[in-house]
Amino acid sequence: MIVSHHTAPDVDTLLSSEQGYYPLLSYFNVQSFMQHVVFQLVLATILLIIAVSISTP
């Protein structure tokens, strides 16, 4: 999977400049960031399903 610079150029520069990563490592940093976002979405979805199942009689 190749991260396009046309879709998110600001994310690459923000991550590489703030945390001091070389441009070569920004790709891996974006990958881990995306995995973190996906994990948060899955966790929120599971909690939402649990909350709905508890609230319904």
C-alpha atoms as a PDB file:
ATOM      1  CA  MET A   1       0.000   0.000   0.000  1.00  0.00           C
ATOM      2  CA  ILE A   2       1.433   3.329  -1.049  1.00  0.00           C
ATOM      3  CA  VAL A   3       0.442   6.471   0.820  1.00  0.00           C
ATOM      4  CA  SER A   4      -0.367   9.144  -1.743  1.00  0.00           C
ATOM      5  CA  HIS A   5       1.039  12.578  -1.081  1.00  0.00           C
ATOM      6  CA  HIS A   6      -1.893  14.109  -2.955  1.00  0.00           C
ATOM      7  CA  THR A   7      -4.416  12.989  -0.357  1.00  0.00           C
ATOM      8  CA  ALA A   8      -2.532  13.801   2.850  1.00  0.00           C
ATOM      9  CA  PRO A   9       0.641  15.856   2.396  1.00  0.00           C
ATOM     10  CA  ASP A  10       0.063  17.714   5.661  1.00  0.00           C
ATOM     11  CA  VAL A  11      -0.056  14.507   7.698  1.00  0.00           C
ATOM     12  CA  ASP A  12       3.366  13.402   6.467  1.00  0.00           C
ATOM     13  CA  THR A  13       5.001  16.763   7.170  1.00  0.00           C
ATOM     14  CA  LEU A  14       3.290  17.078  10.561  1.00  0.00           C
ATOM     15  CA  LEU A  15       4.380  13.643  11.742  1.00  0.00           C
ATOM     16  CA  SER A  16       7.923  13.918  10.384  1.00  0.00           C
ATOM     17  CA  SER A  17       8.512  17.453  11.675  1.00  0.00           C
ATOM     18  CA  GLU A  18       6.927  17.113  15.114  1.00  0.00           C
ATOM     19  CA  GLN A  19       8.416  13.783  16.101  1.00  0.00           C
ATOM     20  CA  GLY A  20      11.706  14.213  14.238  1.00  0.00           C
ATOM     21  CA  TYR A  21      11.366  11.259  11.895  1.00  0.00           C
ATOM     22  CA  TYR A  22      13.248  11.123   8.631  1.00  0.00           C
ATOM     23  CA  PRO A  23      11.031  11.260   5.505  1.00  0.00           C
ATOM     24  CA  LEU A  24      11.859   7.590   4.922  1.00  0.00           C
ATOM     25  CA  LEU A  25      10.242   6.635   8.235  1.00  0.00           C
ATOM     26  CA  SER A  26       7.154   8.810   7.790  1.00  0.00           C
ATOM     27  CA  TYR A  27       5.575   6.023   5.704  1.00  0.00           C
ATOM     28  CA  PHE A  28       5.787   3.567   8.598  1.00  0.00           C
ATOM     29  CA  ASN A  29       4.567   6.236  10.997  1.00  0.00           C
ATOM     30  CA  VAL A  30       1.498   6.836   8.829  1.00  0.00           C
ATOM     31  CA  GLN A  31       0.909   3.077   8.697  1.00  0.00           C
ATOM     32  CA  SER A  32       0.934   2.769  12.496  1.00  0.00           C
ATOM     33  CA  PHE A  33      -1.251   5.871  12.766  1.00  0.00           C
ATOM     34  CA  MET A  34      -3.816   4.336  10.398  1.00  0.00           C
ATOM     35  CA  GLN A  35      -3.771   1.080  12.377  1.00  0.00           C
ATOM     36  CA  HIS A  36      -4.399   3.082  15.548  1.00  0.00           C
ATOM     37  CA  VAL A  37      -7.365   4.879  13.941  1.00  0.00           C
ATOM     38  CA  VAL A  38      -8.845   1.607  12.675  1.00  0.00           C
ATOM     39  CA  PHE A  39      -8.438   0.066  16.139  1.00  0.00           C
ATOM     40  CA  GLN A  40     -10.237   3.014  17.717  1.00  0.00           C
ATOM     41  CA  LEU A  41     -13.098   2.728  15.217  1.00  0.00           C
ATOM     42  CA  VAL A  42     -13.485  -1.001  15.870  1.00  0.00           C
ATOM     43  CA  LEU A  43     -13.402  -0.449  19.626  1.00  0.00           C
ATOM     44  CA  ALA A  44     -16.015   2.315  19.414  1.00  0.00           C
ATOM     45  CA  THR A  45     -18.244   0.124  17.238  1.00  0.00           C
ATOM     46  CA  ILE A  46     -18.046  -2.788  19.688  1.00  0.00           C
ATOM     47  CA  LEU A  47     -18.850  -0.530  22.634  1.00  0.00           C
ATOM     48  CA  LEU A  48     -21.777   0.958  20.704  1.00  0.00           C
ATOM     49  CA  ILE A  49     -23.183  -2.494  19.938  1.00  0.00           C
ATOM     50  CA  ILE A  50     -22.838  -3.514  23.599  1.00  0.00           C
ATOM     51  CA  ALA A  51     -24.539  -0.319  24.781  1.00  0.00           C
ATOM     52  CA  VAL A  52     -27.451  -0.787  22.377  1.00  0.00           C
ATOM     53  CA  SER A  53     -27.899  -4.440  23.318  1.00  0.00           C
ATOM     54  CA  ILE A  54     -27.957  -3.545  27.024  1.00  0.00           C
ATOM     55  CA  SER A  55     -30.393  -0.639  26.630  1.00  0.00           C
ATOM     56  CA  THR A  56     -32.930  -2.605  24.594  1.00  0.00           C
ATOM     57  CA  PRO A  57     -35.250  -4.787  26.697  1.00  0.00           C
END
